[in-house]
Amino acid sequence: LFDDGGNVVAALWREDVQGATCPRPGDSIGRGSLGHKLQE
């Protein structure tokens, strides 16, 4: 997560996500599948 000036302000991560395959750069991540607070 970056601010408007391009500075890193935070990093969020999990290591327990199940996917059908490994996504590639440019792929979309499941819309609405990450929980309301994170999507907000």
PDB file of all heavy atoms in Angstrom:
ATOM      1  N   LEU A   1       0.831  -1.202   0.000  1.00  0.00           N
ATOM      2  CA  LEU A   1       0.000   0.000   0.000  1.00  0.00           C
ATOM      3  C   LEU A   1       0.864   1.250   0.000  1.00  0.00           C
ATOM      4  O   LEU A   1       1.738   1.414   0.850  1.00  0.00           O
ATOM      5  CB  LEU A   1      -0.929  -0.021   1.213  1.00  0.00           C
ATOM      6  CG  LEU A   1      -1.783  -1.293   1.340  1.00  0.00           C
ATOM      7  CD1 LEU A   1      -2.571  -1.269   2.643  1.00  0.00           C
ATOM      8  CD2 LEU A   1      -2.698  -1.460   0.166  1.00  0.00           C
ATOM      9  N   PHE A   2       0.611   2.131  -0.942  1.00  0.00           N
ATOM     10  CA  PHE A   2       1.366   3.365  -1.127  1.00  0.00           C
ATOM     11  C   PHE A   2       0.464   4.558  -0.885  1.00  0.00           C
ATOM     12  O   PHE A   2      -0.757   4.460  -0.990  1.00  0.00           O
ATOM     13  CB  PHE A   2       1.900   3.437  -2.566  1.00  0.00           C
ATOM     14  CG  PHE A   2       2.926   2.383  -2.890  1.00  0.00           C
ATOM     15  CD1 PHE A   2       2.542   1.096  -3.217  1.00  0.00           C
ATOM     16  CD2 PHE A   2       4.270   2.690  -2.855  1.00  0.00           C
ATOM     17  CE1 PHE A   2       3.483   0.121  -3.518  1.00  0.00           C
ATOM     18  CE2 PHE A   2       5.222   1.723  -3.148  1.00  0.00           C
ATOM     19  CZ  PHE A   2       4.830   0.442  -3.478  1.00  0.00           C
ATOM     20  N   ASP A   3       1.077   5.705  -0.584  1.00  0.00           N
ATOM     21  CA  ASP A   3       0.303   6.937  -0.480  1.00  0.00           C
ATOM     22  C   ASP A   3       0.303   7.644  -1.835  1.00  0.00           C
ATOM     23  O   ASP A   3       0.865   7.142  -2.807  1.00  0.00           O
ATOM     24  CB  ASP A   3       0.825   7.835   0.648  1.00  0.00           C
ATOM     25  CG  ASP A   3       2.247   8.326   0.422  1.00  0.00           C
ATOM     26  OD1 ASP A   3       2.782   8.213  -0.711  1.00  0.00           O
ATOM     27  OD2 ASP A   3       2.850   8.838   1.394  1.00  0.00           O
ATOM     28  N   ASP A   4      -0.311   8.829  -1.901  1.00  0.00           N
ATOM     29  CA  ASP A   4      -0.385   9.574  -3.160  1.00  0.00           C
ATOM     30  C   ASP A   4       0.985   9.957  -3.703  1.00  0.00           C
ATOM     31  O   ASP A   4       1.146  10.168  -4.900  1.00  0.00           O
ATOM     32  CB  ASP A   4      -1.234  10.840  -2.994  1.00  0.00           C
ATOM     33  CG  ASP A   4      -2.713  10.536  -2.885  1.00  0.00           C
ATOM     34  OD1 ASP A   4      -3.166   9.569  -3.536  1.00  0.00           O
ATOM     35  OD2 ASP A   4      -3.415  11.244  -2.144  1.00  0.00           O
ATOM     36  N   GLY A   5       1.980  10.073  -2.826  1.00  0.00           N
ATOM     37  CA  GLY A   5       3.326  10.441  -3.254  1.00  0.00           C
ATOM     38  C   GLY A   5       4.184   9.266  -3.683  1.00  0.00           C
ATOM     39  O   GLY A   5       5.352   9.429  -4.020  1.00  0.00           O
ATOM     40  N   GLY A   6       3.631   8.054  -3.642  1.00  0.00           N
ATOM     41  CA  GLY A   6       4.389   6.876  -4.058  1.00  0.00           C
ATOM     42  C   GLY A   6       5.211   6.255  -2.944  1.00  0.00           C
ATOM     43  O   GLY A   6       6.037   5.379  -3.197  1.00  0.00           O
ATOM     44  N   ASN A   7       5.016   6.691  -1.697  1.00  0.00           N
ATOM     45  CA  ASN A   7       5.736   6.134  -0.559  1.00  0.00           C
ATOM     46  C   ASN A   7       4.988   4.930   0.009  1.00  0.00           C
ATOM     47  O   ASN A   7       3.761   4.971   0.144  1.00  0.00           O
ATOM     48  CB  ASN A   7       5.879   7.194   0.541  1.00  0.00           C
ATOM     49  CG  ASN A   7       6.594   8.426   0.040  1.00  0.00           C
ATOM     50  OD1 ASN A   7       7.697   8.351  -0.454  1.00  0.00           O
ATOM     51  ND2 ASN A   7       5.920   9.561   0.136  1.00  0.00           N
ATOM     52  N   VAL A   8       5.706   3.876   0.363  1.00  0.00           N
ATOM     53  CA  VAL A   8       5.078   2.710   0.966  1.00  0.00           C
ATOM     54  C   VAL A   8       4.587   3.086   2.358  1.00  0.00           C
ATOM     55  O   VAL A   8       5.335   3.635   3.160  1.00  0.00           O
ATOM     56  CB  VAL A   8       6.071   1.530   1.077  1.00  0.00           C
ATOM     57  CG1 VAL A   8       5.418   0.348   1.772  1.00  0.00           C
ATOM     58  CG2 VAL A   8       6.575   1.119  -0.283  1.00  0.00           C
ATOM     59  N   VAL A   9       3.312   2.810   2.651  1.00  0.00           N
ATOM     60  CA  VAL A   9       2.768   3.107   3.973  1.00  0.00           C
ATOM     61  C   VAL A   9       2.438   1.836   4.753  1.00  0.00           C
ATOM     62  O   VAL A   9       2.404   1.851   5.975  1.00  0.00           O
ATOM     63  CB  VAL A   9       1.528   4.028   3.911  1.00  0.00           C
ATOM     64  CG1 VAL A   9       1.924   5.422   3.480  1.00  0.00           C
ATOM     65  CG2 VAL A   9       0.454   3.473   3.007  1.00  0.00           C
ATOM     66  N   ALA A  10       2.207   0.721   4.053  1.00  0.00           N
ATOM     67  CA  ALA A  10       1.861  -0.519   4.756  1.00  0.00           C
ATOM     68  C   ALA A  10       1.966  -1.711   3.815  1.00  0.00           C
ATOM     69  O   ALA A  10       1.951  -1.563   2.597  1.00  0.00           O
ATOM     70  CB  ALA A  10       0.449  -0.446   5.314  1.00  0.00           C
ATOM     71  N   ALA A  11       2.065  -2.876   4.417  1.00  0.00           N
ATOM     72  CA  ALA A  11       1.987  -4.138   3.682  1.00  0.00           C
ATOM     73  C   ALA A  11       1.064  -5.060   4.465  1.00  0.00           C
ATOM     74  O   ALA A  11       1.139  -5.136   5.686  1.00  0.00           O
ATOM     75  CB  ALA A  11       3.369  -4.762   3.541  1.00  0.00           C
ATOM     76  N   LEU A  12       0.178  -5.714   3.753  1.00  0.00           N
ATOM     77  CA  LEU A  12      -0.746  -6.698   4.323  1.00  0.00           C
ATOM     78  C   LEU A  12      -0.490  -8.016   3.622  1.00  0.00           C
ATOM     79  O   LEU A  12      -0.305  -8.030   2.407  1.00  0.00           O
ATOM     80  CB  LEU A  12      -2.191  -6.312   3.995  1.00  0.00           C
ATOM     81  CG  LEU A  12      -2.886  -5.337   4.864  1.00  0.00           C
ATOM     82  CD1 LEU A  12      -3.461  -4.237   4.019  1.00  0.00           C
ATOM     83  CD2 LEU A  12      -4.008  -6.074   5.536  1.00  0.00           C
ATOM     84  N   TRP A  13      -0.506  -9.124   4.351  1.00  0.00           N
ATOM     85  CA  TRP A  13      -0.290 -10.402   3.686  1.00  0.00           C
ATOM     86  C   TRP A  13      -0.918 -11.555   4.437  1.00  0.00           C
ATOM     87  O   TRP A  13      -1.203 -11.462   5.616  1.00  0.00           O
ATOM     88  CB  TRP A  13       1.195 -10.665   3.461  1.00  0.00           C
ATOM     89  CG  TRP A  13       1.972 -10.883   4.719  1.00  0.00           C
ATOM     90  CD1 TRP A  13       2.264 -12.086   5.304  1.00  0.00           C
ATOM     91  CD2 TRP A  13       2.531  -9.894   5.575  1.00  0.00           C
ATOM     92  NE1 TRP A  13       2.971 -11.892   6.459  1.00  0.00           N
ATOM     93  CE2 TRP A  13       3.158 -10.555   6.651  1.00  0.00           C
ATOM     94  CE3 TRP A  13       2.563  -8.502   5.541  1.00  0.00           C
ATOM     95  CZ2 TRP A  13       3.798  -9.881   7.679  1.00  0.00           C
ATOM     96  CZ3 TRP A  13       3.195  -7.829   6.569  1.00  0.00           C
ATOM     97  CH2 TRP A  13       3.815  -8.517   7.612  1.00  0.00           C
ATOM     98  N   ARG A  14      -1.145 -12.622   3.697  1.00  0.00           N
ATOM     99  CA  ARG A  14      -1.582 -13.921   4.233  1.00  0.00           C
ATOM    100  C   ARG A  14      -0.858 -14.984   3.428  1.00  0.00           C
ATOM    101  O   ARG A  14      -0.519 -14.770   2.280  1.00  0.00           O
ATOM    102  CB  ARG A  14      -3.058 -14.216   4.057  1.00  0.00           C
ATOM    103  CG  ARG A  14      -4.030 -13.200   4.326  1.00  0.00           C
ATOM    104  CD  ARG A  14      -5.446 -13.730   4.159  1.00  0.00           C
ATOM    105  NE  ARG A  14      -5.693 -14.889   4.983  1.00  0.00           N
ATOM    106  CZ  ARG A  14      -6.668 -14.993   5.879  1.00  0.00           C
ATOM    107  NH1 ARG A  14      -7.486 -14.002   6.063  1.00  0.00           N
ATOM    108  NH2 ARG A  14      -6.832 -16.070   6.574  1.00  0.00           N
ATOM    109  N   GLU A  15      -0.700 -16.136   4.026  1.00  0.00           N
ATOM    110  CA  GLU A  15      -0.038 -17.242   3.338  1.00  0.00           C
ATOM    111  C   GLU A  15      -0.929 -18.473   3.272  1.00  0.00           C
ATOM    112  O   GLU A  15      -0.447 -19.582   3.135  1.00  0.00           O
ATOM    113  CB  GLU A  15       1.280 -17.585   4.036  1.00  0.00           C
ATOM    114  CG  GLU A  15       2.299 -16.489   3.936  1.00  0.00           C
ATOM    115  CD  GLU A  15       3.648 -16.872   4.527  1.00  0.00           C
ATOM    116  OE1 GLU A  15       3.712 -17.828   5.317  1.00  0.00           O
ATOM    117  OE2 GLU A  15       4.630 -16.203   4.181  1.00  0.00           O
ATOM    118  N   ASP A  16      -2.233 -18.278   3.338  1.00  0.00           N
ATOM    119  CA  ASP A  16      -3.147 -19.421   3.375  1.00  0.00           C
ATOM    120  C   ASP A  16      -4.262 -19.327   2.342  1.00  0.00           C
ATOM    121  O   ASP A  16      -5.349 -19.832   2.522  1.00  0.00           O
ATOM    122  CB  ASP A  16      -3.756 -19.561   4.771  1.00  0.00           C
ATOM    123  CG  ASP A  16      -4.565 -18.334   5.180  1.00  0.00           C
ATOM    124  OD1 ASP A  16      -4.519 -17.302   4.467  1.00  0.00           O
ATOM    125  OD2 ASP A  16      -5.245 -18.403   6.212  1.00  0.00           O
ATOM    126  N   VAL A  17      -3.985 -18.688   1.229  1.00  0.00           N
ATOM    127  CA  VAL A  17      -4.984 -18.503   0.186  1.00  0.00           C
ATOM    128  C   VAL A  17      -4.957 -19.700  -0.761  1.00  0.00           C
ATOM    129  O   VAL A  17      -3.888 -20.116  -1.204  1.00  0.00           O
ATOM    130  CB  VAL A  17      -4.720 -17.198  -0.599  1.00  0.00           C
ATOM    131  CG1 VAL A  17      -5.710 -17.018  -1.726  1.00  0.00           C
ATOM    132  CG2 VAL A  17      -4.739 -16.005   0.343  1.00  0.00           C
ATOM    133  N   GLN A  18      -6.123 -20.249  -1.055  1.00  0.00           N
ATOM    134  CA  GLN A  18      -6.232 -21.347  -2.007  1.00  0.00           C
ATOM    135  C   GLN A  18      -6.651 -20.780  -3.357  1.00  0.00           C
ATOM    136  O   GLN A  18      -7.597 -20.009  -3.437  1.00  0.00           O
ATOM    137  CB  GLN A  18      -7.276 -22.366  -1.536  1.00  0.00           C
ATOM    138  CG  GLN A  18      -6.932 -23.032  -0.225  1.00  0.00           C
ATOM    139  CD  GLN A  18      -5.745 -23.963  -0.340  1.00  0.00           C
ATOM    140  OE1 GLN A  18      -5.600 -24.690  -1.319  1.00  0.00           O
ATOM    141  NE2 GLN A  18      -4.880 -23.932   0.641  1.00  0.00           N
ATOM    142  N   GLY A  19      -5.934 -21.158  -4.395  1.00  0.00           N
ATOM    143  CA  GLY A  19      -6.281 -20.719  -5.738  1.00  0.00           C
ATOM    144  C   GLY A  19      -6.297 -21.889  -6.696  1.00  0.00           C
ATOM    145  O   GLY A  19      -5.651 -22.910  -6.454  1.00  0.00           O
ATOM    146  N   ALA A  20      -7.038 -21.765  -7.778  1.00  0.00           N
ATOM    147  CA  ALA A  20      -7.086 -22.832  -8.777  1.00  0.00           C
ATOM    148  C   ALA A  20      -5.731 -22.958  -9.469  1.00  0.00           C
ATOM    149  O   ALA A  20      -5.275 -24.054  -9.766  1.00  0.00           O
ATOM    150  CB  ALA A  20      -8.183 -22.555  -9.792  1.00  0.00           C
ATOM    151  N   THR A  21      -5.079 -21.828  -9.711  1.00  0.00           N
ATOM    152  CA  THR A  21      -3.734 -21.779 -10.294  1.00  0.00           C
ATOM    153  C   THR A  21      -3.035 -20.562  -9.724  1.00  0.00           C
ATOM    154  O   THR A  21      -3.648 -19.735  -9.057  1.00  0.00           O
ATOM    155  CB  THR A  21      -3.767 -21.625 -11.830  1.00  0.00           C
ATOM    156  OG1 THR A  21      -4.404 -20.388 -12.153  1.00  0.00           O
ATOM    157  CG2 THR A  21      -4.494 -22.777 -12.511  1.00  0.00           C
ATOM    158  N   CYS A  22      -1.771 -20.420 -10.033  1.00  0.00           N
ATOM    159  CA  CYS A  22      -1.037 -19.219  -9.625  1.00  0.00           C
ATOM    160  C   CYS A  22      -1.327 -18.115 -10.637  1.00  0.00           C
ATOM    161  O   CYS A  22      -1.089 -18.298 -11.828  1.00  0.00           O
ATOM    162  CB  CYS A  22       0.458 -19.515  -9.574  1.00  0.00           C
ATOM    163  SG  CYS A  22       1.420 -18.086  -9.042  1.00  0.00           S
ATOM    164  N   PRO A  23      -1.856 -16.985 -10.183  1.00  0.00           N
ATOM    165  CA  PRO A  23      -2.121 -15.883 -11.115  1.00  0.00           C
ATOM    166  C   PRO A  23      -0.832 -15.333 -11.715  1.00  0.00           C
ATOM    167  O   PRO A  23       0.261 -15.543 -11.187  1.00  0.00           O
ATOM    168  CB  PRO A  23      -2.792 -14.824 -10.249  1.00  0.00           C
ATOM    169  CG  PRO A  23      -3.067 -15.443  -8.944  1.00  0.00           C
ATOM    170  CD  PRO A  23      -2.223 -16.657  -8.829  1.00  0.00           C
ATOM    171  N   ARG A  24      -0.993 -14.604 -12.807  1.00  0.00           N
ATOM    172  CA  ARG A  24       0.132 -13.955 -13.483  1.00  0.00           C
ATOM    173  C   ARG A  24      -0.047 -12.447 -13.424  1.00  0.00           C
ATOM    174  O   ARG A  24      -1.172 -11.974 -13.222  1.00  0.00           O
ATOM    175  CB  ARG A  24       0.190 -14.408 -14.941  1.00  0.00           C
ATOM    176  CG  ARG A  24       0.465 -15.901 -15.094  1.00  0.00           C
ATOM    177  CD  ARG A  24       0.372 -16.312 -16.521  1.00  0.00           C
ATOM    178  NE  ARG A  24      -1.022 -16.134 -16.924  1.00  0.00           N
ATOM    179  CZ  ARG A  24      -1.483 -16.359 -18.143  1.00  0.00           C
ATOM    180  NH1 ARG A  24      -0.675 -16.765 -19.085  1.00  0.00           N
ATOM    181  NH2 ARG A  24      -2.747 -16.175 -18.438  1.00  0.00           N
ATOM    182  N   PRO A  25       1.028 -11.684 -13.617  1.00  0.00           N
ATOM    183  CA  PRO A  25       0.876 -10.229 -13.645  1.00  0.00           C
ATOM    184  C   PRO A  25      -0.197  -9.819 -14.650  1.00  0.00           C
ATOM    185  O   PRO A  25      -0.272 -10.362 -15.753  1.00  0.00           O
ATOM    186  CB  PRO A  25       2.263  -9.740 -14.083  1.00  0.00           C
ATOM    187  CG  PRO A  25       3.188 -10.804 -13.573  1.00  0.00           C
ATOM    188  CD  PRO A  25       2.429 -12.099 -13.770  1.00  0.00           C
ATOM    189  N   GLY A  26      -1.048  -8.892 -14.225  1.00  0.00           N
ATOM    190  CA  GLY A  26      -2.138  -8.428 -15.072  1.00  0.00           C
ATOM    191  C   GLY A  26      -3.448  -9.158 -14.840  1.00  0.00           C
ATOM    192  O   GLY A  26      -4.506  -8.668 -15.227  1.00  0.00           O
ATOM    193  N   ASP A  27      -3.404 -10.345 -14.192  1.00  0.00           N
ATOM    194  CA  ASP A  27      -4.633 -11.073 -13.890  1.00  0.00           C
ATOM    195  C   ASP A  27      -5.429 -10.334 -12.823  1.00  0.00           C
ATOM    196  O   ASP A  27      -4.862  -9.671 -11.955  1.00  0.00           O
ATOM    197  CB  ASP A  27      -4.333 -12.485 -13.375  1.00  0.00           C
ATOM    198  CG  ASP A  27      -3.873 -13.439 -14.460  1.00  0.00           C
ATOM    199  OD1 ASP A  27      -3.924 -13.065 -15.657  1.00  0.00           O
ATOM    200  OD2 ASP A  27      -3.462 -14.560 -14.117  1.00  0.00           O
ATOM    201  N   SER A  28      -6.735 -10.481 -12.868  1.00  0.00           N
ATOM    202  CA  SER A  28      -7.615  -9.909 -11.840  1.00  0.00           C
ATOM    203  C   SER A  28      -7.750 -10.890 -10.688  1.00  0.00           C
ATOM    204  O   SER A  28      -7.709 -12.096 -10.884  1.00  0.00           O
ATOM    205  CB  SER A  28      -9.001  -9.626 -12.419  1.00  0.00           C
ATOM    206  OG  SER A  28      -8.930  -8.599 -13.367  1.00  0.00           O
ATOM    207  N   ILE A  29      -7.911 -10.346  -9.495  1.00  0.00           N
ATOM    208  CA  ILE A  29      -8.140 -11.156  -8.302  1.00  0.00           C
ATOM    209  C   ILE A  29      -9.640 -11.164  -8.043  1.00  0.00           C
ATOM    210  O   ILE A  29     -10.304 -10.139  -8.206  1.00  0.00           O
ATOM    211  CB  ILE A  29      -7.379 -10.569  -7.088  1.00  0.00           C
ATOM    212  CG1 ILE A  29      -5.885 -10.687  -7.306  1.00  0.00           C
ATOM    213  CG2 ILE A  29      -7.779 -11.243  -5.797  1.00  0.00           C
ATOM    214  CD1 ILE A  29      -5.354 -12.098  -7.366  1.00  0.00           C
ATOM    215  N   GLY A  30     -10.166 -12.299  -7.625  1.00  0.00           N
ATOM    216  CA  GLY A  30     -11.594 -12.507  -7.415  1.00  0.00           C
ATOM    217  C   GLY A  30     -12.325 -11.339  -6.773  1.00  0.00           C
ATOM    218  O   GLY A  30     -12.140 -11.075  -5.587  1.00  0.00           O
ATOM    219  N   ARG A  31     -13.128 -10.684  -7.539  1.00  0.00           N
ATOM    220  CA  ARG A  31     -13.900  -9.518  -7.079  1.00  0.00           C
ATOM    221  C   ARG A  31     -14.770  -9.886  -5.887  1.00  0.00           C
ATOM    222  O   ARG A  31     -15.575 -10.794  -5.958  1.00  0.00           O
ATOM    223  CB  ARG A  31     -14.754  -9.001  -8.226  1.00  0.00           C
ATOM    224  CG  ARG A  31     -15.459  -7.725  -7.942  1.00  0.00           C
ATOM    225  CD  ARG A  31     -16.229  -7.294  -9.202  1.00  0.00           C
ATOM    226  NE  ARG A  31     -16.938  -6.068  -8.958  1.00  0.00           N
ATOM    227  CZ  ARG A  31     -16.484  -4.866  -9.286  1.00  0.00           C
ATOM    228  NH1 ARG A  31     -15.329  -4.747  -9.879  1.00  0.00           N
ATOM    229  NH2 ARG A  31     -17.193  -3.792  -9.022  1.00  0.00           N
ATOM    230  N   GLY A  32     -14.581  -9.191  -4.773  1.00  0.00           N
ATOM    231  CA  GLY A  32     -15.400  -9.411  -3.593  1.00  0.00           C
ATOM    232  C   GLY A  32     -15.078 -10.667  -2.806  1.00  0.00           C
ATOM    233  O   GLY A  32     -15.810 -11.038  -1.914  1.00  0.00           O
ATOM    234  N   SER A  33     -13.957 -11.320  -3.100  1.00  0.00           N
ATOM    235  CA  SER A  33     -13.651 -12.599  -2.446  1.00  0.00           C
ATOM    236  C   SER A  33     -12.705 -12.475  -1.254  1.00  0.00           C
ATOM    237  O   SER A  33     -12.348 -13.471  -0.654  1.00  0.00           O
ATOM    238  CB  SER A  33     -13.045 -13.568  -3.464  1.00  0.00           C
ATOM    239  OG  SER A  33     -11.806 -13.077  -3.930  1.00  0.00           O
ATOM    240  N   LEU A  34     -12.303 -11.273  -0.910  1.00  0.00           N
ATOM    241  CA  LEU A  34     -11.281 -11.090   0.121  1.00  0.00           C
ATOM    242  C   LEU A  34     -11.821 -10.560   1.443  1.00  0.00           C
ATOM    243  O   LEU A  34     -11.055 -10.280   2.347  1.00  0.00           O
ATOM    244  CB  LEU A  34     -10.183 -10.149  -0.398  1.00  0.00           C
ATOM    245  CG  LEU A  34      -9.484 -10.633  -1.663  1.00  0.00           C
ATOM    246  CD1 LEU A  34      -8.553  -9.553  -2.185  1.00  0.00           C
ATOM    247  CD2 LEU A  34      -8.725 -11.918  -1.391  1.00  0.00           C
ATOM    248  N   GLY A  35     -13.112 -10.423   1.568  1.00  0.00           N
ATOM    249  CA  GLY A  35     -13.693  -9.907   2.807  1.00  0.00           C
ATOM    250  C   GLY A  35     -14.041  -8.433   2.686  1.00  0.00           C
ATOM    251  O   GLY A  35     -13.352  -7.663   2.024  1.00  0.00           O
ATOM    252  N   HIS A  36     -15.119  -8.047   3.356  1.00  0.00           N
ATOM    253  CA  HIS A  36     -15.659  -6.694   3.240  1.00  0.00           C
ATOM    254  C   HIS A  36     -14.665  -5.610   3.660  1.00  0.00           C
ATOM    255  O   HIS A  36     -14.474  -4.624   2.951  1.00  0.00           O
ATOM    256  CB  HIS A  36     -16.945  -6.574   4.062  1.00  0.00           C
ATOM    257  CG  HIS A  36     -17.506  -5.196   4.074  1.00  0.00           C
ATOM    258  ND1 HIS A  36     -18.112  -4.645   2.971  1.00  0.00           N
ATOM    259  CD2 HIS A  36     -17.515  -4.239   5.042  1.00  0.00           C
ATOM    260  CE1 HIS A  36     -18.486  -3.414   3.257  1.00  0.00           C
ATOM    261  NE2 HIS A  36     -18.143  -3.137   4.504  1.00  0.00           N
ATOM    262  N   LYS A  37     -14.007  -5.764   4.806  1.00  0.00           N
ATOM    263  CA  LYS A  37     -13.113  -4.712   5.309  1.00  0.00           C
ATOM    264  C   LYS A  37     -11.929  -4.493   4.371  1.00  0.00           C
ATOM    265  O   LYS A  37     -11.567  -3.354   4.072  1.00  0.00           O
ATOM    266  CB  LYS A  37     -12.642  -5.045   6.719  1.00  0.00           C
ATOM    267  CG  LYS A  37     -11.749  -3.973   7.339  1.00  0.00           C
ATOM    268  CD  LYS A  37     -12.328  -2.572   7.272  1.00  0.00           C
ATOM    269  CE  LYS A  37     -13.202  -2.224   8.428  1.00  0.00           C
ATOM    270  NZ  LYS A  37     -13.701  -0.833   8.378  1.00  0.00           N
ATOM    271  N   LEU A  38     -11.328  -5.581   3.884  1.00  0.00           N
ATOM    272  CA  LEU A  38     -10.195  -5.420   2.969  1.00  0.00           C
ATOM    273  C   LEU A  38     -10.653  -4.807   1.652  1.00  0.00           C
ATOM    274  O   LEU A  38     -10.012  -3.891   1.142  1.00  0.00           O
ATOM    275  CB  LEU A  38      -9.498  -6.758   2.721  1.00  0.00           C
ATOM    276  CG  LEU A  38      -8.268  -6.652   1.819  1.00  0.00           C
ATOM    277  CD1 LEU A  38      -7.185  -5.804   2.478  1.00  0.00           C
ATOM    278  CD2 LEU A  38      -7.729  -8.013   1.473  1.00  0.00           C
ATOM    279  N   GLN A  39     -11.777  -5.274   1.116  1.00  0.00           N
ATOM    280  CA  GLN A  39     -12.267  -4.724  -0.153  1.00  0.00           C
ATOM    281  C   GLN A  39     -12.632  -3.254   0.009  1.00  0.00           C
ATOM    282  O   GLN A  39     -12.413  -2.452  -0.896  1.00  0.00           O
ATOM    283  CB  GLN A  39     -13.481  -5.513  -0.640  1.00  0.00           C
ATOM    284  CG  GLN A  39     -13.195  -6.957  -0.926  1.00  0.00           C
ATOM    285  CD  GLN A  39     -12.477  -7.257  -2.231  1.00  0.00           C
ATOM    286  OE1 GLN A  39     -12.314  -8.395  -2.568  1.00  0.00           O
ATOM    287  NE2 GLN A  39     -12.022  -6.292  -2.966  1.00  0.00           N
ATOM    288  N   GLU A  40     -13.136  -2.868   1.176  1.00  0.00           N
ATOM    289  CA  GLU A  40     -13.453  -1.470   1.460  1.00  0.00           C
ATOM    290  C   GLU A  40     -12.176  -0.627   1.427  1.00  0.00           C
ATOM    291  O   GLU A  40     -12.164   0.496   0.938  1.00  0.00           O
ATOM    292  CB  GLU A  40     -14.115  -1.396   2.833  1.00  0.00           C
ATOM    293  CG  GLU A  40     -14.568  -0.034   3.261  1.00  0.00           C
ATOM    294  CD  GLU A  40     -15.190  -0.098   4.650  1.00  0.00           C
ATOM    295  OE1 GLU A  40     -16.337  -0.571   4.755  1.00  0.00           O
ATOM    296  OE2 GLU A  40     -14.521   0.295   5.621  1.00  0.00           O
TER     297      GLU A  40
END
